Amino acid sequence: MDDFQKQIEEMRYIVLSNDGMMNVFTSLRTMAQKIEVDFSTISKKINTHSGESCYCTSKKTHIIYYIQKMRTSELVSEIVS
């Protein structure tokens, strides 16, 4: 359980797309590379929209992404309970 708990604690973002993809990422830059949206755009939009989530569209692929910051401490508490 400890290894699994560590993996969960390292996850920072949940990403859903209009093409059916769902993924989790440990860093903003890794996510930005994968979904082909500039990391500064994502950061700016998240901070503008409540600091928790935002929608972004890749200019290259035109895929729309919903990005949600994870609250890992709350999630881990629920898993361990």
PDB file of N, CA and C in Angstrom:
ATOM      1  N   MET A   1       0.822  -1.196   0.000  1.00  0.00           N
ATOM      2  CA  MET A   1       0.000   0.000   0.000  1.00  0.00           C
ATOM      3  C   MET A   1       0.867   1.261   0.000  1.00  0.00           C
ATOM      4  N   ASP A   2       2.045   1.230   0.637  1.00  0.00           N
ATOM      5  CA  ASP A   2       2.881   2.415   0.712  1.00  0.00           C
ATOM      6  C   ASP A   2       3.332   2.902  -0.663  1.00  0.00           C
ATOM      7  N   ASP A   3       3.714   1.993  -1.564  1.00  0.00           N
ATOM      8  CA  ASP A   3       4.130   2.393  -2.907  1.00  0.00           C
ATOM      9  C   ASP A   3       2.969   3.015  -3.672  1.00  0.00           C
ATOM     10  N   PHE A   4       1.810   2.408  -3.551  1.00  0.00           N
ATOM     11  CA  PHE A   4       0.624   2.932  -4.217  1.00  0.00           C
ATOM     12  C   PHE A   4       0.279   4.313  -3.669  1.00  0.00           C
ATOM     13  N   GLN A   5       0.364   4.457  -2.377  1.00  0.00           N
ATOM     14  CA  GLN A   5       0.074   5.738  -1.732  1.00  0.00           C
ATOM     15  C   GLN A   5       1.046   6.814  -2.222  1.00  0.00           C
ATOM     16  N   LYS A   6       2.324   6.472  -2.366  1.00  0.00           N
ATOM     17  CA  LYS A   6       3.317   7.419  -2.873  1.00  0.00           C
ATOM     18  C   LYS A   6       2.988   7.848  -4.297  1.00  0.00           C
ATOM     19  N   GLN A   7       2.596   6.879  -5.129  1.00  0.00           N
ATOM     20  CA  GLN A   7       2.228   7.201  -6.512  1.00  0.00           C
ATOM     21  C   GLN A   7       1.069   8.193  -6.545  1.00  0.00           C
ATOM     22  N   ILE A   8       0.070   7.961  -5.726  1.00  0.00           N
ATOM     23  CA  ILE A   8      -1.093   8.853  -5.677  1.00  0.00           C
ATOM     24  C   ILE A   8      -0.673  10.244  -5.209  1.00  0.00           C
ATOM     25  N   GLU A   9       0.161  10.310  -4.199  1.00  0.00           N
ATOM     26  CA  GLU A   9       0.601  11.596  -3.658  1.00  0.00           C
ATOM     27  C   GLU A   9       1.398  12.413  -4.676  1.00  0.00           C
ATOM     28  N   GLU A  10       2.059  11.744  -5.612  1.00  0.00           N
ATOM     29  CA  GLU A  10       2.848  12.442  -6.625  1.00  0.00           C
ATOM     30  C   GLU A  10       1.997  13.002  -7.759  1.00  0.00           C
ATOM     31  N   MET A  11       0.793  12.507  -7.931  1.00  0.00           N
ATOM     32  CA  MET A  11      -0.072  12.977  -9.001  1.00  0.00           C
ATOM     33  C   MET A  11      -0.616  14.363  -8.671  1.00  0.00           C
ATOM     34  N   ARG A  12      -0.549  15.256  -9.650  1.00  0.00           N
ATOM     35  CA  ARG A  12      -0.961  16.642  -9.424  1.00  0.00           C
ATOM     36  C   ARG A  12      -2.130  17.095 -10.293  1.00  0.00           C
ATOM     37  N   TYR A  13      -2.304  16.476 -11.467  1.00  0.00           N
ATOM     38  CA  TYR A  13      -3.323  16.937 -12.400  1.00  0.00           C
ATOM     39  C   TYR A  13      -4.066  15.759 -13.016  1.00  0.00           C
ATOM     40  N   ILE A  14      -5.370  15.901 -13.127  1.00  0.00           N
ATOM     41  CA  ILE A  14      -6.209  14.966 -13.876  1.00  0.00           C
ATOM     42  C   ILE A  14      -6.610  15.692 -15.156  1.00  0.00           C
ATOM     43  N   VAL A  15      -6.480  15.009 -16.291  1.00  0.00           N
ATOM     44  CA  VAL A  15      -6.800  15.631 -17.580  1.00  0.00           C
ATOM     45  C   VAL A  15      -7.801  14.756 -18.326  1.00  0.00           C
ATOM     46  N   LEU A  16      -8.877  15.385 -18.771  1.00  0.00           N
ATOM     47  CA  LEU A  16      -9.891  14.729 -19.596  1.00  0.00           C
ATOM     48  C   LEU A  16      -9.952  15.476 -20.921  1.00  0.00           C
ATOM     49  N   SER A  17     -10.195  14.746 -21.998  1.00  0.00           N
ATOM     50  CA  SER A  17     -10.279  15.421 -23.299  1.00  0.00           C
ATOM     51  C   SER A  17     -11.561  15.053 -24.020  1.00  0.00           C
ATOM     52  N   ASN A  18     -11.906  15.880 -25.005  1.00  0.00           N
ATOM     53  CA  ASN A  18     -13.128  15.614 -25.762  1.00  0.00           C
ATOM     54  C   ASN A  18     -12.970  14.453 -26.736  1.00  0.00           C
ATOM     55  N   ASP A  19     -11.766  13.866 -26.829  1.00  0.00           N
ATOM     56  CA  ASP A  19     -11.592  12.673 -27.662  1.00  0.00           C
ATOM     57  C   ASP A  19     -11.559  11.390 -26.824  1.00  0.00           C
ATOM     58  N   GLY A  20     -11.877  11.523 -25.520  1.00  0.00           N
ATOM     59  CA  GLY A  20     -11.997  10.352 -24.665  1.00  0.00           C
ATOM     60  C   GLY A  20     -10.778  10.009 -23.828  1.00  0.00           C
ATOM     61  N   MET A  21      -9.690  10.770 -23.964  1.00  0.00           N
ATOM     62  CA  MET A  21      -8.505  10.494 -23.178  1.00  0.00           C
ATOM     63  C   MET A  21      -8.702  10.935 -21.728  1.00  0.00           C
ATOM     64  N   MET A  22      -8.174  10.150 -20.812  1.00  0.00           N
ATOM     65  CA  MET A  22      -8.133  10.525 -19.409  1.00  0.00           C
ATOM     66  C   MET A  22      -6.768  10.120 -18.898  1.00  0.00           C
ATOM     67  N   ASN A  23      -6.099  11.056 -18.217  1.00  0.00           N
ATOM     68  CA  ASN A  23      -4.754  10.749 -17.739  1.00  0.00           C
ATOM     69  C   ASN A  23      -4.465  11.568 -16.496  1.00  0.00           C
ATOM     70  N   VAL A  24      -3.441  11.164 -15.751  1.00  0.00           N
ATOM     71  CA  VAL A  24      -2.965  11.926 -14.600  1.00  0.00           C
ATOM     72  C   VAL A  24      -1.502  12.249 -14.824  1.00  0.00           C
ATOM     73  N   PHE A  25      -1.082  13.400 -14.314  1.00  0.00           N
ATOM     74  CA  PHE A  25       0.291  13.854 -14.512  1.00  0.00           C
ATOM     75  C   PHE A  25       0.875  14.348 -13.201  1.00  0.00           C
ATOM     76  N   THR A  26       2.193  14.197 -13.094  1.00  0.00           N
ATOM     77  CA  THR A  26       2.889  14.648 -11.892  1.00  0.00           C
ATOM     78  C   THR A  26       3.368  16.088 -12.009  1.00  0.00           C
ATOM     79  N   SER A  27       3.489  16.599 -13.228  1.00  0.00           N
ATOM     80  CA  SER A  27       3.974  17.971 -13.385  1.00  0.00           C
ATOM     81  C   SER A  27       3.241  18.688 -14.510  1.00  0.00           C
ATOM     82  N   LEU A  28       3.210  19.990 -14.380  1.00  0.00           N
ATOM     83  CA  LEU A  28       2.579  20.837 -15.378  1.00  0.00           C
ATOM     84  C   LEU A  28       3.315  20.742 -16.711  1.00  0.00           C
ATOM     85  N   ARG A  29       4.622  20.738 -16.674  1.00  0.00           N
ATOM     86  CA  ARG A  29       5.404  20.686 -17.921  1.00  0.00           C
ATOM     87  C   ARG A  29       5.235  19.359 -18.659  1.00  0.00           C
ATOM     88  N   THR A  30       5.206  18.263 -17.930  1.00  0.00           N
ATOM     89  CA  THR A  30       4.989  16.952 -18.561  1.00  0.00           C
ATOM     90  C   THR A  30       3.624  16.913 -19.223  1.00  0.00           C
ATOM     91  N   MET A  31       2.616  17.399 -18.502  1.00  0.00           N
ATOM     92  CA  MET A  31       1.265  17.436 -19.052  1.00  0.00           C
ATOM     93  C   MET A  31       1.222  18.313 -20.296  1.00  0.00           C
ATOM     94  N   ALA A  32       1.834  19.483 -20.234  1.00  0.00           N
ATOM     95  CA  ALA A  32       1.818  20.417 -21.362  1.00  0.00           C
ATOM     96  C   ALA A  32       2.422  19.791 -22.617  1.00  0.00           C
ATOM     97  N   GLN A  33       3.522  19.066 -22.445  1.00  0.00           N
ATOM     98  CA  GLN A  33       4.147  18.399 -23.590  1.00  0.00           C
ATOM     99  C   GLN A  33       3.226  17.343 -24.179  1.00  0.00           C
ATOM    100  N   LYS A  34       2.594  16.567 -23.324  1.00  0.00           N
ATOM    101  CA  LYS A  34       1.739  15.464 -23.788  1.00  0.00           C
ATOM    102  C   LYS A  34       0.491  15.976 -24.517  1.00  0.00           C
ATOM    103  N   ILE A  35      -0.136  17.016 -23.987  1.00  0.00           N
ATOM    104  CA  ILE A  35      -1.389  17.484 -24.588  1.00  0.00           C
ATOM    105  C   ILE A  35      -1.171  18.611 -25.599  1.00  0.00           C
ATOM    106  N   GLU A  36       0.078  19.015 -25.764  1.00  0.00           N
ATOM    107  CA  GLU A  36       0.454  20.030 -26.753  1.00  0.00           C
ATOM    108  C   GLU A  36      -0.245  21.371 -26.522  1.00  0.00           C
ATOM    109  N   VAL A  37      -0.208  21.799 -25.256  1.00  0.00           N
ATOM    110  CA  VAL A  37      -0.667  23.132 -24.864  1.00  0.00           C
ATOM    111  C   VAL A  37       0.463  23.735 -24.044  1.00  0.00           C
ATOM    112  N   ASP A  38       0.832  24.976 -24.321  1.00  0.00           N
ATOM    113  CA  ASP A  38       1.938  25.610 -23.619  1.00  0.00           C
ATOM    114  C   ASP A  38       1.688  25.635 -22.114  1.00  0.00           C
ATOM    115  N   PHE A  39       2.717  25.295 -21.331  1.00  0.00           N
ATOM    116  CA  PHE A  39       2.549  25.200 -19.877  1.00  0.00           C
ATOM    117  C   PHE A  39       2.163  26.542 -19.269  1.00  0.00           C
ATOM    118  N   SER A  40       2.646  27.647 -19.841  1.00  0.00           N
ATOM    119  CA  SER A  40       2.294  28.955 -19.285  1.00  0.00           C
ATOM    120  C   SER A  40       0.818  29.280 -19.513  1.00  0.00           C
ATOM    121  N   THR A  41       0.262  28.813 -20.610  1.00  0.00           N
ATOM    122  CA  THR A  41      -1.167  28.993 -20.874  1.00  0.00           C
ATOM    123  C   THR A  41      -1.994  28.233 -19.853  1.00  0.00           C
ATOM    124  N   ILE A  42      -1.613  26.995 -19.591  1.00  0.00           N
ATOM    125  CA  ILE A  42      -2.334  26.177 -18.609  1.00  0.00           C
ATOM    126  C   ILE A  42      -2.257  26.829 -17.231  1.00  0.00           C
ATOM    127  N   SER A  43      -1.073  27.217 -16.830  1.00  0.00           N
ATOM    128  CA  SER A  43      -0.875  27.826 -15.521  1.00  0.00           C
ATOM    129  C   SER A  43      -1.710  29.092 -15.370  1.00  0.00           C
ATOM    130  N   LYS A  44      -1.679  29.936 -16.381  1.00  0.00           N
ATOM    131  CA  LYS A  44      -2.430  31.182 -16.350  1.00  0.00           C
ATOM    132  C   LYS A  44      -3.932  30.920 -16.239  1.00  0.00           C
ATOM    133  N   LYS A  45      -4.438  29.959 -17.023  1.00  0.00           N
ATOM    134  CA  LYS A  45      -5.871  29.661 -16.999  1.00  0.00           C
ATOM    135  C   LYS A  45      -6.299  29.045 -15.672  1.00  0.00           C
ATOM    136  N   ILE A  46      -5.493  28.147 -15.129  1.00  0.00           N
ATOM    137  CA  ILE A  46      -5.830  27.546 -13.835  1.00  0.00           C
ATOM    138  C   ILE A  46      -5.885  28.620 -12.761  1.00  0.00           C
ATOM    139  N   ASN A  47      -4.893  29.506 -12.746  1.00  0.00           N
ATOM    140  CA  ASN A  47      -4.848  30.549 -11.722  1.00  0.00           C
ATOM    141  C   ASN A  47      -5.950  31.592 -11.899  1.00  0.00           C
ATOM    142  N   THR A  48      -6.412  31.782 -13.117  1.00  0.00           N
ATOM    143  CA  THR A  48      -7.498  32.723 -13.383  1.00  0.00           C
ATOM    144  C   THR A  48      -8.850  32.139 -12.988  1.00  0.00           C
ATOM    145  N   HIS A  49      -8.999  30.841 -13.122  1.00  0.00           N
ATOM    146  CA  HIS A  49     -10.276  30.166 -12.875  1.00  0.00           C
ATOM    147  C   HIS A  49     -10.225  29.386 -11.565  1.00  0.00           C
ATOM    148  N   SER A  50     -10.259  30.072 -10.464  1.00  0.00           N
ATOM    149  CA  SER A  50     -10.374  29.499  -9.115  1.00  0.00           C
ATOM    150  C   SER A  50      -9.133  28.741  -8.634  1.00  0.00           C
ATOM    151  N   GLY A  51      -8.114  28.628  -9.449  1.00  0.00           N
ATOM    152  CA  GLY A  51      -6.908  27.936  -9.032  1.00  0.00           C
ATOM    153  C   GLY A  51      -7.030  26.429  -8.961  1.00  0.00           C
ATOM    154  N   GLU A  52      -8.132  25.882  -9.469  1.00  0.00           N
ATOM    155  CA  GLU A  52      -8.362  24.443  -9.350  1.00  0.00           C
ATOM    156  C   GLU A  52      -8.528  23.726 -10.684  1.00  0.00           C
ATOM    157  N   SER A  53      -9.119  24.398 -11.668  1.00  0.00           N
ATOM    158  CA  SER A  53      -9.381  23.714 -12.937  1.00  0.00           C
ATOM    159  C   SER A  53      -9.499  24.731 -14.070  1.00  0.00           C
ATOM    160  N   CYS A  54      -9.444  24.218 -15.291  1.00  0.00           N
ATOM    161  CA  CYS A  54      -9.642  25.075 -16.463  1.00  0.00           C
ATOM    162  C   CYS A  54      -9.873  24.202 -17.697  1.00  0.00           C
ATOM    163  N   TYR A  55     -10.269  24.857 -18.773  1.00  0.00           N
ATOM    164  CA  TYR A  55     -10.363  24.232 -20.089  1.00  0.00           C
ATOM    165  C   TYR A  55      -9.286  24.849 -20.964  1.00  0.00           C
ATOM    166  N   CYS A  56      -8.599  24.040 -21.750  1.00  0.00           N
ATOM    167  CA  CYS A  56      -7.594  24.503 -22.702  1.00  0.00           C
ATOM    168  C   CYS A  56      -7.787  23.751 -24.010  1.00  0.00           C
ATOM    169  N   THR A  57      -7.469  24.414 -25.104  1.00  0.00           N
ATOM    170  CA  THR A  57      -7.534  23.783 -26.419  1.00  0.00           C
ATOM    171  C   THR A  57      -6.153  23.804 -27.049  1.00  0.00           C
ATOM    172  N   SER A  58      -5.736  22.661 -27.546  1.00  0.00           N
ATOM    173  CA  SER A  58      -4.465  22.570 -28.250  1.00  0.00           C
ATOM    174  C   SER A  58      -4.605  23.235 -29.618  1.00  0.00           C
ATOM    175  N   LYS A  59      -3.740  24.207 -29.897  1.00  0.00           N
ATOM    176  CA  LYS A  59      -3.769  24.860 -31.208  1.00  0.00           C
ATOM    177  C   LYS A  59      -3.356  23.900 -32.313  1.00  0.00           C
ATOM    178  N   LYS A  60      -2.519  22.942 -31.951  1.00  0.00           N
ATOM    179  CA  LYS A  60      -2.006  21.990 -32.946  1.00  0.00           C
ATOM    180  C   LYS A  60      -3.039  20.917 -33.296  1.00  0.00           C
ATOM    181  N   THR A  61      -3.681  20.337 -32.273  1.00  0.00           N
ATOM    182  CA  THR A  61      -4.600  19.215 -32.514  1.00  0.00           C
ATOM    183  C   THR A  61      -6.073  19.613 -32.437  1.00  0.00           C
ATOM    184  N   HIS A  62      -6.374  20.784 -31.887  1.00  0.00           N
ATOM    185  CA  HIS A  62      -7.733  21.291 -31.683  1.00  0.00           C
ATOM    186  C   HIS A  62      -8.537  20.453 -30.692  1.00  0.00           C
ATOM    187  N   ILE A  63      -7.854  19.647 -29.897  1.00  0.00           N
ATOM    188  CA  ILE A  63      -8.514  18.859 -28.858  1.00  0.00           C
ATOM    189  C   ILE A  63      -8.726  19.760 -27.644  1.00  0.00           C
ATOM    190  N   ILE A  64      -9.913  19.653 -27.038  1.00  0.00           N
ATOM    191  CA  ILE A  64     -10.246  20.429 -25.847  1.00  0.00           C
ATOM    192  C   ILE A  64      -9.946  19.578 -24.625  1.00  0.00           C
ATOM    193  N   TYR A  65      -9.279  20.167 -23.648  1.00  0.00           N
ATOM    194  CA  TYR A  65      -8.905  19.460 -22.419  1.00  0.00           C
ATOM    195  C   TYR A  65      -9.515  20.143 -21.207  1.00  0.00           C
ATOM    196  N   TYR A  66      -9.984  19.324 -20.297  1.00  0.00           N
ATOM    197  CA  TYR A  66     -10.388  19.797 -18.975  1.00  0.00           C
ATOM    198  C   TYR A  66      -9.288  19.364 -18.020  1.00  0.00           C
ATOM    199  N   ILE A  67      -8.716  20.319 -17.299  1.00  0.00           N
ATOM    200  CA  ILE A  67      -7.595  20.044 -16.393  1.00  0.00           C
ATOM    201  C   ILE A  67      -8.024  20.374 -14.977  1.00  0.00           C
ATOM    202  N   GLN A  68      -7.865  19.415 -14.081  1.00  0.00           N
ATOM    203  CA  GLN A  68      -8.248  19.574 -12.680  1.00  0.00           C
ATOM    204  C   GLN A  68      -7.033  19.306 -11.805  1.00  0.00           C
ATOM    205  N   LYS A  69      -6.718  20.254 -10.925  1.00  0.00           N
ATOM    206  CA  LYS A  69      -5.658  20.010  -9.950  1.00  0.00           C
ATOM    207  C   LYS A  69      -6.174  19.013  -8.928  1.00  0.00           C
ATOM    208  N   MET A  70      -5.347  18.060  -8.566  1.00  0.00           N
ATOM    209  CA  MET A  70      -5.746  17.057  -7.577  1.00  0.00           C
ATOM    210  C   MET A  70      -5.444  17.571  -6.175  1.00  0.00           C
ATOM    211  N   ARG A  71      -6.297  17.221  -5.263  1.00  0.00           N
ATOM    212  CA  ARG A  71      -6.046  17.477  -3.846  1.00  0.00           C
ATOM    213  C   ARG A  71      -5.602  16.155  -3.242  1.00  0.00           C
ATOM    214  N   THR A  72      -4.325  15.839  -3.406  1.00  0.00           N
ATOM    215  CA  THR A  72      -3.835  14.503  -3.062  1.00  0.00           C
ATOM    216  C   THR A  72      -3.937  14.189  -1.585  1.00  0.00           C
ATOM    217  N   SER A  73      -3.777  15.158  -0.725  1.00  0.00           N
ATOM    218  CA  SER A  73      -3.841  14.855   0.711  1.00  0.00           C
ATOM    219  C   SER A  73      -5.237  14.358   1.091  1.00  0.00           C
ATOM    220  N   GLU A  74      -6.276  14.970   0.523  1.00  0.00           N
ATOM    221  CA  GLU A  74      -7.643  14.521   0.793  1.00  0.00           C
ATOM    222  C   GLU A  74      -7.889  13.146   0.179  1.00  0.00           C
ATOM    223  N   LEU A  75      -7.385  12.929  -1.024  1.00  0.00           N
ATOM    224  CA  LEU A  75      -7.576  11.662  -1.726  1.00  0.00           C
ATOM    225  C   LEU A  75      -6.887  10.520  -0.984  1.00  0.00           C
ATOM    226  N   VAL A  76      -5.671  10.730  -0.555  1.00  0.00           N
ATOM    227  CA  VAL A  76      -4.928   9.690   0.158  1.00  0.00           C
ATOM    228  C   VAL A  76      -5.622   9.355   1.476  1.00  0.00           C
ATOM    229  N   SER A  77      -6.143  10.354   2.165  1.00  0.00           N
ATOM    230  CA  SER A  77      -6.868  10.104   3.425  1.00  0.00           C
ATOM    231  C   SER A  77      -8.068   9.200   3.181  1.00  0.00           C
ATOM    232  N   GLU A  78      -8.778   9.412   2.059  1.00  0.00           N
ATOM    233  CA  GLU A  78      -9.936   8.585   1.737  1.00  0.00           C
ATOM    234  C   GLU A  78      -9.520   7.152   1.408  1.00  0.00           C
ATOM    235  N   ILE A  79      -8.406   7.000   0.689  1.00  0.00           N
ATOM    236  CA  ILE A  79      -7.944   5.650   0.307  1.00  0.00           C
ATOM    237  C   ILE A  79      -7.507   4.877   1.541  1.00  0.00           C
ATOM    238  N   VAL A  80      -6.770   5.521   2.420  1.00  0.00           N
ATOM    239  CA  VAL A  80      -6.237   4.850   3.605  1.00  0.00           C
ATOM    240  C   VAL A  80      -7.350   4.487   4.590  1.00  0.00           C
ATOM    241  N   SER A  81      -8.401   5.298   4.638  1.00  0.00           N
ATOM    242  CA  SER A  81      -9.499   5.053   5.594  1.00  0.00           C
ATOM    243  C   SER A  81     -10.256   3.797   5.299  1.00  0.00           C
TER     244      SER A  81
END
